[in-house]
Amino acid sequence: MTPMSDAYAAAGVDTSQADRGVDALVAVLRRIEIDRPSASVLASGHYASVLRVAGAAWPLRRAS
């Protein structure tokens, strides 16, 4: 182990599991169709988001 890995391990971080988590996030992000228009109806910064789904708009509230 490198000194940085030792520090993470001492703090209770499983770097292998963290790497798998990052890999999973990257895999999902690769599926985003960047040439498609955004499904977001409201600009960022609002408490609730509204997404267009199959032509309709639905409010989605953040979990409290």
PDB file of N, CA and C in Angstrom:
ATOM      1  N   MET A   1       0.841  -1.194   0.000  1.00  0.00           N
ATOM      2  CA  MET A   1       0.000   0.000   0.000  1.00  0.00           C
ATOM      3  C   MET A   1       0.879   1.248   0.000  1.00  0.00           C
ATOM      4  N   THR A   2       0.376   2.285  -0.664  1.00  0.00           N
ATOM      5  CA  THR A   2       1.088   3.559  -0.637  1.00  0.00           C
ATOM      6  C   THR A   2       0.698   4.303   0.628  1.00  0.00           C
ATOM      7  N   PRO A   3       1.478   5.310   1.023  1.00  0.00           N
ATOM      8  CA  PRO A   3       1.123   6.069   2.236  1.00  0.00           C
ATOM      9  C   PRO A   3      -0.289   6.655   2.186  1.00  0.00           C
ATOM     10  N   MET A   4      -0.728   7.141   0.994  1.00  0.00           N
ATOM     11  CA  MET A   4      -2.078   7.709   0.882  1.00  0.00           C
ATOM     12  C   MET A   4      -3.119   6.610   1.099  1.00  0.00           C
ATOM     13  N   SER A   5      -2.908   5.440   0.498  1.00  0.00           N
ATOM     14  CA  SER A   5      -3.841   4.326   0.687  1.00  0.00           C
ATOM     15  C   SER A   5      -3.880   3.900   2.143  1.00  0.00           C
ATOM     16  N   ASP A   6      -2.719   3.919   2.800  1.00  0.00           N
ATOM     17  CA  ASP A   6      -2.672   3.590   4.225  1.00  0.00           C
ATOM     18  C   ASP A   6      -3.528   4.569   5.027  1.00  0.00           C
ATOM     19  N   ALA A   7      -3.457   5.845   4.667  1.00  0.00           N
ATOM     20  CA  ALA A   7      -4.234   6.868   5.378  1.00  0.00           C
ATOM     21  C   ALA A   7      -5.731   6.635   5.176  1.00  0.00           C
ATOM     22  N   TYR A   8      -6.125   6.324   3.939  1.00  0.00           N
ATOM     23  CA  TYR A   8      -7.535   6.040   3.671  1.00  0.00           C
ATOM     24  C   TYR A   8      -7.988   4.802   4.448  1.00  0.00           C
ATOM     25  N   ALA A   9      -7.201   3.764   4.417  1.00  0.00           N
ATOM     26  CA  ALA A   9      -7.545   2.531   5.131  1.00  0.00           C
ATOM     27  C   ALA A   9      -7.664   2.792   6.629  1.00  0.00           C
ATOM     28  N   ALA A  10      -6.747   3.611   7.185  1.00  0.00           N
ATOM     29  CA  ALA A  10      -6.799   3.936   8.610  1.00  0.00           C
ATOM     30  C   ALA A  10      -8.075   4.702   8.955  1.00  0.00           C
ATOM     31  N   ALA A  11      -8.590   5.451   7.980  1.00  0.00           N
ATOM     32  CA  ALA A  11      -9.826   6.207   8.202  1.00  0.00           C
ATOM     33  C   ALA A  11     -11.065   5.358   7.942  1.00  0.00           C
ATOM     34  N   GLY A  12     -10.854   4.090   7.543  1.00  0.00           N
ATOM     35  CA  GLY A  12     -11.989   3.199   7.320  1.00  0.00           C
ATOM     36  C   GLY A  12     -12.524   3.208   5.901  1.00  0.00           C
ATOM     37  N   VAL A  13     -11.763   3.766   4.969  1.00  0.00           N
ATOM     38  CA  VAL A  13     -12.210   3.827   3.578  1.00  0.00           C
ATOM     39  C   VAL A  13     -11.758   2.571   2.845  1.00  0.00           C
ATOM     40  N   ASP A  14     -12.687   1.909   2.207  1.00  0.00           N
ATOM     41  CA  ASP A  14     -12.374   0.759   1.351  1.00  0.00           C
ATOM     42  C   ASP A  14     -12.172   1.315  -0.051  1.00  0.00           C
ATOM     43  N   THR A  15     -10.914   1.533  -0.440  1.00  0.00           N
ATOM     44  CA  THR A  15     -10.646   2.172  -1.730  1.00  0.00           C
ATOM     45  C   THR A  15     -11.094   1.315  -2.907  1.00  0.00           C
ATOM     46  N   SER A  16     -11.088   0.008  -2.761  1.00  0.00           N
ATOM     47  CA  SER A  16     -11.584  -0.855  -3.838  1.00  0.00           C
ATOM     48  C   SER A  16     -13.069  -0.629  -4.058  1.00  0.00           C
ATOM     49  N   GLN A  17     -13.810  -0.527  -2.956  1.00  0.00           N
ATOM     50  CA  GLN A  17     -15.249  -0.269  -3.060  1.00  0.00           C
ATOM     51  C   GLN A  17     -15.493   1.135  -3.610  1.00  0.00           C
ATOM     52  N   ALA A  18     -14.702   2.102  -3.188  1.00  0.00           N
ATOM     53  CA  ALA A  18     -14.836   3.463  -3.707  1.00  0.00           C
ATOM     54  C   ALA A  18     -14.559   3.494  -5.205  1.00  0.00           C
ATOM     55  N   ASP A  19     -13.544   2.769  -5.657  1.00  0.00           N
ATOM     56  CA  ASP A  19     -13.234   2.692  -7.085  1.00  0.00           C
ATOM     57  C   ASP A  19     -14.396   2.088  -7.868  1.00  0.00           C
ATOM     58  N   ARG A  20     -15.002   1.040  -7.322  1.00  0.00           N
ATOM     59  CA  ARG A  20     -16.146   0.423  -8.001  1.00  0.00           C
ATOM     60  C   ARG A  20     -17.315   1.407  -8.078  1.00  0.00           C
ATOM     61  N   GLY A  21     -17.508   2.189  -7.026  1.00  0.00           N
ATOM     62  CA  GLY A  21     -18.577   3.190  -7.036  1.00  0.00           C
ATOM     63  C   GLY A  21     -18.351   4.249  -8.094  1.00  0.00           C
ATOM     64  N   VAL A  22     -17.127   4.724  -8.200  1.00  0.00           N
ATOM     65  CA  VAL A  22     -16.800   5.722  -9.232  1.00  0.00           C
ATOM     66  C   VAL A  22     -16.989   5.114 -10.622  1.00  0.00           C
ATOM     67  N   ASP A  23     -16.539   3.877 -10.809  1.00  0.00           N
ATOM     68  CA  ASP A  23     -16.723   3.201 -12.099  1.00  0.00           C
ATOM     69  C   ASP A  23     -18.199   3.097 -12.463  1.00  0.00           C
ATOM     70  N   ALA A  24     -19.050   2.789 -11.484  1.00  0.00           N
ATOM     71  CA  ALA A  24     -20.492   2.683 -11.732  1.00  0.00           C
ATOM     72  C   ALA A  24     -21.079   4.033 -12.123  1.00  0.00           C
ATOM     73  N   LEU A  25     -20.659   5.097 -11.442  1.00  0.00           N
ATOM     74  CA  LEU A  25     -21.145   6.440 -11.793  1.00  0.00           C
ATOM     75  C   LEU A  25     -20.729   6.831 -13.200  1.00  0.00           C
ATOM     76  N   VAL A  26     -19.484   6.558 -13.539  1.00  0.00           N
ATOM     77  CA  VAL A  26     -18.981   6.886 -14.877  1.00  0.00           C
ATOM     78  C   VAL A  26     -19.757   6.112 -15.940  1.00  0.00           C
ATOM     79  N   ALA A  27     -20.066   4.854 -15.668  1.00  0.00           N
ATOM     80  CA  ALA A  27     -20.834   4.043 -16.618  1.00  0.00           C
ATOM     81  C   ALA A  27     -22.211   4.649 -16.870  1.00  0.00           C
ATOM     82  N   VAL A  28     -22.857   5.137 -15.824  1.00  0.00           N
ATOM     83  CA  VAL A  28     -24.179   5.766 -15.985  1.00  0.00           C
ATOM     84  C   VAL A  28     -24.039   7.084 -16.742  1.00  0.00           C
ATOM     85  N   LEU A  29     -23.040   7.872 -16.402  1.00  0.00           N
ATOM     86  CA  LEU A  29     -22.855   9.161 -17.068  1.00  0.00           C
ATOM     87  C   LEU A  29     -22.550   8.997 -18.549  1.00  0.00           C
ATOM     88  N   ARG A  30     -21.915   7.917 -18.926  1.00  0.00           N
ATOM     89  CA  ARG A  30     -21.614   7.678 -20.347  1.00  0.00           C
ATOM     90  C   ARG A  30     -22.869   7.464 -21.163  1.00  0.00           C
ATOM     91  N   ARG A  31     -23.974   7.078 -20.515  1.00  0.00           N
ATOM     92  CA  ARG A  31     -25.225   6.815 -21.233  1.00  0.00           C
ATOM     93  C   ARG A  31     -26.039   8.078 -21.479  1.00  0.00           C
ATOM     94  N   ILE A  32     -25.596   9.200 -20.935  1.00  0.00           N
ATOM     95  CA  ILE A  32     -26.345  10.450 -21.122  1.00  0.00           C
ATOM     96  C   ILE A  32     -26.220  10.885 -22.573  1.00  0.00           C
ATOM     97  N   GLU A  33     -27.341  11.180 -23.184  1.00  0.00           N
ATOM     98  CA  GLU A  33     -27.360  11.632 -24.571  1.00  0.00           C
ATOM     99  C   GLU A  33     -27.206  13.149 -24.580  1.00  0.00           C
ATOM    100  N   ILE A  34     -25.976  13.619 -24.798  1.00  0.00           N
ATOM    101  CA  ILE A  34     -25.723  15.059 -24.701  1.00  0.00           C
ATOM    102  C   ILE A  34     -26.266  15.844 -25.879  1.00  0.00           C
ATOM    103  N   ASP A  35     -26.635  15.181 -26.967  1.00  0.00           N
ATOM    104  CA  ASP A  35     -27.190  15.891 -28.112  1.00  0.00           C
ATOM    105  C   ASP A  35     -28.703  16.039 -28.031  1.00  0.00           C
ATOM    106  N   ARG A  36     -29.295  15.521 -26.938  1.00  0.00           N
ATOM    107  CA  ARG A  36     -30.736  15.651 -26.727  1.00  0.00           C
ATOM    108  C   ARG A  36     -31.041  16.897 -25.929  1.00  0.00           C
ATOM    109  N   PRO A  37     -32.197  17.518 -26.160  1.00  0.00           N
ATOM    110  CA  PRO A  37     -32.584  18.657 -25.317  1.00  0.00           C
ATOM    111  C   PRO A  37     -32.787  18.209 -23.868  1.00  0.00           C
ATOM    112  N   SER A  38     -32.544  19.103 -22.937  1.00  0.00           N
ATOM    113  CA  SER A  38     -32.708  18.797 -21.520  1.00  0.00           C
ATOM    114  C   SER A  38     -34.168  18.507 -21.201  1.00  0.00           C
ATOM    115  N   ALA A  39     -34.400  17.583 -20.282  1.00  0.00           N
ATOM    116  CA  ALA A  39     -35.753  17.280 -19.816  1.00  0.00           C
ATOM    117  C   ALA A  39     -36.150  18.191 -18.663  1.00  0.00           C
ATOM    118  N   SER A  40     -35.211  19.003 -18.187  1.00  0.00           N
ATOM    119  CA  SER A  40     -35.499  19.904 -17.078  1.00  0.00           C
ATOM    120  C   SER A  40     -36.331  21.080 -17.572  1.00  0.00           C
ATOM    121  N   VAL A  41     -37.428  21.359 -16.873  1.00  0.00           N
ATOM    122  CA  VAL A  41     -38.305  22.458 -17.253  1.00  0.00           C
ATOM    123  C   VAL A  41     -37.867  23.744 -16.547  1.00  0.00           C
ATOM    124  N   LEU A  42     -37.392  23.637 -15.304  1.00  0.00           N
ATOM    125  CA  LEU A  42     -36.942  24.792 -14.536  1.00  0.00           C
ATOM    126  C   LEU A  42     -35.422  24.888 -14.552  1.00  0.00           C
ATOM    127  N   ALA A  43     -34.922  26.080 -14.364  1.00  0.00           N
ATOM    128  CA  ALA A  43     -33.478  26.264 -14.261  1.00  0.00           C
ATOM    129  C   ALA A  43     -32.978  25.682 -12.944  1.00  0.00           C
ATOM    130  N   SER A  44     -31.690  25.428 -12.853  1.00  0.00           N
ATOM    131  CA  SER A  44     -31.114  24.898 -11.625  1.00  0.00           C
ATOM    132  C   SER A  44     -31.292  25.887 -10.478  1.00  0.00           C
ATOM    133  N   GLY A  45     -31.314  25.365  -9.247  1.00  0.00           N
ATOM    134  CA  GLY A  45     -31.388  26.208  -8.067  1.00  0.00           C
ATOM    135  C   GLY A  45     -32.754  26.232  -7.396  1.00  0.00           C
ATOM    136  N   HIS A  46     -33.743  25.602  -7.983  1.00  0.00           N
ATOM    137  CA  HIS A  46     -35.067  25.569  -7.377  1.00  0.00           C
ATOM    138  C   HIS A  46     -35.152  24.430  -6.368  1.00  0.00           C
ATOM    139  N   TYR A  47     -36.056  24.564  -5.399  1.00  0.00           N
ATOM    140  CA  TYR A  47     -36.235  23.518  -4.383  1.00  0.00           C
ATOM    141  C   TYR A  47     -36.694  22.207  -5.030  1.00  0.00           C
ATOM    142  N   ALA A  48     -37.620  22.312  -5.960  1.00  0.00           N
ATOM    143  CA  ALA A  48     -38.132  21.127  -6.634  1.00  0.00           C
ATOM    144  C   ALA A  48     -37.767  21.214  -8.113  1.00  0.00           C
ATOM    145  N   SER A  49     -37.555  20.082  -8.719  1.00  0.00           N
ATOM    146  CA  SER A  49     -37.272  20.032 -10.150  1.00  0.00           C
ATOM    147  C   SER A  49     -38.529  19.596 -10.880  1.00  0.00           C
ATOM    148  N   VAL A  50     -38.662  20.047 -12.095  1.00  0.00           N
ATOM    149  CA  VAL A  50     -39.752  19.617 -12.953  1.00  0.00           C
ATOM    150  C   VAL A  50     -39.104  19.048 -14.203  1.00  0.00           C
ATOM    151  N   LEU A  51     -39.411  17.783 -14.490  1.00  0.00           N
ATOM    152  CA  LEU A  51     -38.847  17.115 -15.652  1.00  0.00           C
ATOM    153  C   LEU A  51     -39.932  16.799 -16.664  1.00  0.00           C
ATOM    154  N   ARG A  52     -39.605  16.961 -17.916  1.00  0.00           N
ATOM    155  CA  ARG A  52     -40.518  16.608 -18.991  1.00  0.00           C
ATOM    156  C   ARG A  52     -40.354  15.113 -19.260  1.00  0.00           C
ATOM    157  N   VAL A  53     -41.462  14.368 -19.156  1.00  0.00           N
ATOM    158  CA  VAL A  53     -41.431  12.925 -19.389  1.00  0.00           C
ATOM    159  C   VAL A  53     -42.463  12.613 -20.459  1.00  0.00           C
ATOM    160  N   ALA A  54     -42.014  12.148 -21.605  1.00  0.00           N
ATOM    161  CA  ALA A  54     -42.906  11.778 -22.718  1.00  0.00           C
ATOM    162  C   ALA A  54     -43.899  12.891 -23.023  1.00  0.00           C
ATOM    163  N   GLY A  55     -43.409  14.126 -23.048  1.00  0.00           N
ATOM    164  CA  GLY A  55     -44.248  15.256 -23.401  1.00  0.00           C
ATOM    165  C   GLY A  55     -44.971  15.901 -22.237  1.00  0.00           C
ATOM    166  N   ALA A  56     -44.984  15.286 -21.069  1.00  0.00           N
ATOM    167  CA  ALA A  56     -45.653  15.846 -19.891  1.00  0.00           C
ATOM    168  C   ALA A  56     -44.606  16.369 -18.917  1.00  0.00           C
ATOM    169  N   ALA A  57     -44.992  17.255 -18.024  1.00  0.00           N
ATOM    170  CA  ALA A  57     -44.076  17.765 -16.998  1.00  0.00           C
ATOM    171  C   ALA A  57     -44.584  17.341 -15.631  1.00  0.00           C
ATOM    172  N   TRP A  58     -43.687  16.804 -14.808  1.00  0.00           N
ATOM    173  CA  TRP A  58     -44.041  16.307 -13.481  1.00  0.00           C
ATOM    174  C   TRP A  58     -43.131  16.945 -12.449  1.00  0.00           C
ATOM    175  N   PRO A  59     -43.680  17.464 -11.337  1.00  0.00           N
ATOM    176  CA  PRO A  59     -42.789  17.986 -10.283  1.00  0.00           C
ATOM    177  C   PRO A  59     -42.178  16.838  -9.488  1.00  0.00           C
ATOM    178  N   LEU A  60     -40.900  16.935  -9.248  1.00  0.00           N
ATOM    179  CA  LEU A  60     -40.192  15.955  -8.424  1.00  0.00           C
ATOM    180  C   LEU A  60     -39.598  16.689  -7.239  1.00  0.00           C
ATOM    181  N   ARG A  61     -40.028  16.370  -6.032  1.00  0.00           N
ATOM    182  CA  ARG A  61     -39.526  17.046  -4.837  1.00  0.00           C
ATOM    183  C   ARG A  61     -38.334  16.293  -4.288  1.00  0.00           C
ATOM    184  N   ARG A  62     -37.415  17.043  -3.716  1.00  0.00           N
ATOM    185  CA  ARG A  62     -36.268  16.421  -3.054  1.00  0.00           C
ATOM    186  C   ARG A  62     -36.729  15.776  -1.763  1.00  0.00           C
ATOM    187  N   ALA A  63     -36.111  14.662  -1.415  1.00  0.00           N
ATOM    188  CA  ALA A  63     -36.439  14.000  -0.151  1.00  0.00           C
ATOM    189  C   ALA A  63     -36.007  14.887   1.006  1.00  0.00           C
ATOM    190  N   SER A  64     -36.826  14.952   2.047  1.00  0.00           N
ATOM    191  CA  SER A  64     -36.461  15.791   3.195  1.00  0.00           C
ATOM    192  C   SER A  64     -35.919  14.982   4.332  1.00  0.00           C
TER     193      SER A  64
END
